[in-house]
Protein backbone atom coordinates (compact mmCIF):
# COMPACT_ATOMS: atom_id res chain seq x y z
CA MET A 1 0.00 0.01 0.01
CA GLY A 2 1.29 3.50 -0.85
CA GLN A 3 2.17 6.12 1.69
CA LEU A 4 1.61 9.87 1.48
CA GLN A 5 4.77 11.90 1.87
CA TYR A 6 4.56 15.55 2.85
CA PRO A 7 7.54 17.91 2.28
CA GLN A 8 9.39 19.24 5.36
CA ARG A 9 9.51 22.67 3.80
CA LYS A 10 6.77 24.12 1.61
CA GLU A 11 6.13 27.49 -0.10
CA ILE A 12 2.66 28.28 -1.24
CA LYS A 13 1.93 31.29 -3.51
CA GLY A 14 -0.57 33.91 -2.37
CA PRO A 15 -2.60 36.00 -2.12
CA TRP A 16 -2.96 35.70 1.62
CA ILE A 17 -5.90 37.66 2.95
CA LEU A 18 -6.72 36.44 6.40
CA ASN A 19 -9.37 37.86 8.74
CA GLN A 20 -9.59 37.73 12.53
CA GLU A 21 -11.43 34.36 12.47
CA ASP A 22 -8.64 32.87 10.26
CA PHE A 23 -6.00 34.01 12.67
CA GLU A 24 -7.90 32.58 15.65
CA ASN A 25 -8.16 29.26 13.81
CA LEU A 26 -4.44 29.47 13.04
CA ASP A 27 -3.75 30.09 16.72
CA ASN A 28 -5.45 26.85 17.53
CA ILE A 29 -3.42 24.98 14.97
CA ILE A 30 -0.16 26.60 16.29
CA GLU A 31 -1.02 25.54 19.87
CA LYS A 32 -1.54 21.99 18.64
CA ILE A 33 1.74 22.07 16.71
CA ASP A 34 3.50 23.41 19.90
CA SER A 35 2.13 20.56 21.94
CA LEU A 36 3.20 18.01 19.29
CA LEU A 37 6.77 19.43 19.23
CA ARG A 38 7.01 19.15 23.01
CA GLU A 39 5.83 15.55 22.75
CA SER A 40 8.51 14.91 20.08
CA LEU A 41 11.17 16.51 22.24
CA ASN A 42 10.16 14.28 25.18
CA ALA A 43 10.32 11.22 22.91
CA GLU A 44 13.78 12.27 21.74
CA ILE A 45 15.05 12.71 25.30
CA LYS A 46 13.54 9.42 26.43
CA GLN A 47 15.06 7.55 23.51
CA GLU A 48 18.50 9.04 24.09
CA VAL A 49 18.42 8.05 27.79
CA TYR A 50 17.22 4.51 26.96
CA ASP A 51 19.89 4.16 24.24
CA ASP A 52 22.73 5.26 26.51
CA PRO A 53 24.89 2.22 27.40
CA GLU A 54 25.49 3.64 30.86
CA ASN A 55 21.77 3.34 31.54
CA LYS A 56 21.41 -0.26 30.39
CA ASN A 57 21.00 -1.79 33.80
CA LYS A 58 19.21 1.09 35.58
CA LYS A 59 15.72 0.68 37.06
CA GLU A 60 12.70 2.72 35.75
CA ASP A 61 12.89 5.31 38.52
CA GLU A 62 16.59 5.89 37.89
CA LEU A 63 15.86 6.20 34.18
CA GLN A 64 13.22 8.79 34.90
CA LYS A 65 15.76 10.79 36.95
CA GLU A 66 18.12 10.66 33.87
CA ILE A 67 15.32 11.87 31.63
CA ASP A 68 14.54 14.69 33.98
CA ARG A 69 18.20 15.66 34.13
CA ALA A 70 18.49 15.48 30.32
CA LYS A 71 15.44 17.85 29.99
CA ASN A 72 17.30 20.41 32.01
CA SER A 73 20.59 20.06 30.13
CA TYR A 74 21.64 22.86 27.81
CA ARG A 75 21.07 20.71 24.76
CA TYR A 76 17.38 20.38 25.45
CA SER A 77 16.58 23.33 27.74
CA ARG A 78 16.66 25.99 24.99
CA ARG A 79 13.07 26.41 24.03
CA GLU A 80 11.45 29.30 22.23
CA LYS A 81 7.98 30.27 21.16
CA VAL A 82 7.74 33.55 19.26
CA ILE A 83 4.97 34.98 17.13
CA LYS A 84 5.64 38.37 15.56
CA LEU A 85 3.48 40.57 13.44
CA ILE A 86 5.68 42.94 11.39
CA SER A 87 4.21 46.12 9.96
CA THR A 88 5.00 47.88 6.74
CA ASP A 89 6.94 50.60 8.73
CA GLY A 90 9.09 48.01 10.54
CA ILE A 91 7.17 47.96 13.85
CA ALA A 92 6.84 44.46 15.33
CA LEU A 93 4.31 43.12 17.82
CA SER A 94 5.50 40.02 19.63
CA ASP A 95 3.67 37.48 21.76
CA LYS A 96 3.54 33.84 22.57
CA THR A 97 0.09 33.44 20.90
CA ILE A 98 -1.68 34.92 17.90
CA LYS A 99 -4.55 35.85 20.10
CA GLY A 100 -2.20 37.85 22.25
CA ILE A 101 -1.24 39.88 19.21
CA LEU A 102 -4.88 40.26 18.11
CA LYS A 103 -5.69 41.66 21.58
CA ASP A 104 -2.87 44.22 21.48
CA SER A 105 -4.23 47.77 21.27
CA ALA A 106 -1.27 48.80 19.06
CA LEU A 107 -2.56 46.45 16.30
CA THR A 108 -5.27 48.92 15.25
CA ASN A 109 -2.59 51.50 14.13
CA LEU A 110 -0.51 49.04 12.15
CA LYS A 111 -0.49 47.94 8.53
CA PRO A 112 0.63 44.27 8.74
CA LYS A 113 3.24 43.13 6.32
CA LYS A 114 4.14 39.67 7.66
CA ILE A 115 3.44 37.35 10.49
CA TYR A 116 6.33 35.15 11.59
CA ILE A 117 5.95 32.15 13.90
CA ASN A 118 8.82 30.23 15.38
CA LEU A 119 8.68 27.23 17.72
CA PHE A 120 11.97 25.82 18.82
CA TYR A 121 12.38 22.73 21.01
CA SER A 122 15.99 21.61 20.42
CA TYR A 123 17.62 21.38 17.11
CA ASN A 124 15.55 18.34 16.14
CA ASN A 125 12.14 19.82 16.89
CA GLN A 126 11.43 23.13 15.14
CA PHE A 127 8.65 24.81 13.22
CA THR A 128 8.56 28.09 11.41
CA LEU A 129 5.81 29.75 9.46
CA GLN A 130 5.92 32.98 7.57
CA ILE A 131 2.71 34.51 6.11
CA PRO A 132 2.92 37.71 4.07
CA SER A 133 -0.09 40.02 3.87
CA GLY A 134 -1.97 40.74 0.78
CA PHE A 135 -0.71 39.71 -2.64
CA SER A 136 3.04 39.86 -2.02
CA GLY A 137 5.21 36.88 -1.20
CA GLU A 138 4.64 33.26 -0.43
CA LEU A 139 3.40 31.45 2.64
CA GLU A 140 6.26 29.33 3.82
CA TYR A 141 6.66 26.74 6.47
CA ASP A 142 9.49 24.58 7.61
CA ILE A 143 9.35 21.57 9.96
CA VAL A 144 12.15 19.74 11.64
CA CYS A 145 10.93 16.96 13.86
CA TYR A 146 12.72 14.09 15.62
CA ASP A 147 9.62 11.90 15.50
CA THR A 148 8.38 11.31 11.86
CA LYS A 149 4.85 10.41 13.07
CA THR A 150 4.66 13.77 14.83
CA SER A 151 6.02 15.51 11.76
CA ASP A 152 3.36 13.95 9.63
CA GLU A 153 0.65 14.94 12.13
CA ILE A 154 1.93 18.54 12.07
CA LYS A 155 1.87 18.58 8.28
CA TYR A 156 -1.68 17.22 8.38
CA GLU A 157 -2.77 19.96 10.85
CA LEU A 158 -1.41 22.57 8.43
CA GLU A 159 -2.54 21.05 5.12
CA MET A 160 -5.86 19.37 5.92
CA ASP A 161 -7.17 20.77 9.22
CA GLY A 162 -6.24 24.31 8.14
CA LYS A 163 -8.31 23.83 4.98
CA LYS A 164 -11.33 22.67 6.95
CA LYS A 165 -11.12 25.57 9.39
CA THR A 166 -10.60 28.51 6.99
């Protein structure tokens, strides 16, 4: 049986005219993607701990301590969630959610040029999305994910669920 393959990086030509409801739906999708990336990071950490030869004979509670220790290590502790709306005059609104930007009183005075979303959970679990306003540019997303199932689920959220909701 065949298998659908989604690209990790995709550019989609515009125009991109999104209203407030579209952005609220996108916010829900981004929250789901954020949750999936955190799950993928946890799976990566767990697998690394279980694969470590030094942990071969450790009991489950000891392995859990190693997992917790790894989560706090520099390699996995750098996490970032940034959503920016950039205006035509270079002013940027930034928040951890799209709804946070939509609620910002400064939004009424801006002419949006682009929205940029970056979710970073280690080098193996990342998502970026850039959406230009109006007729210029291309919508572009890029996914790096340790767990291929999670990566496929993220792509489905973007490609299929996004179509249903907008």
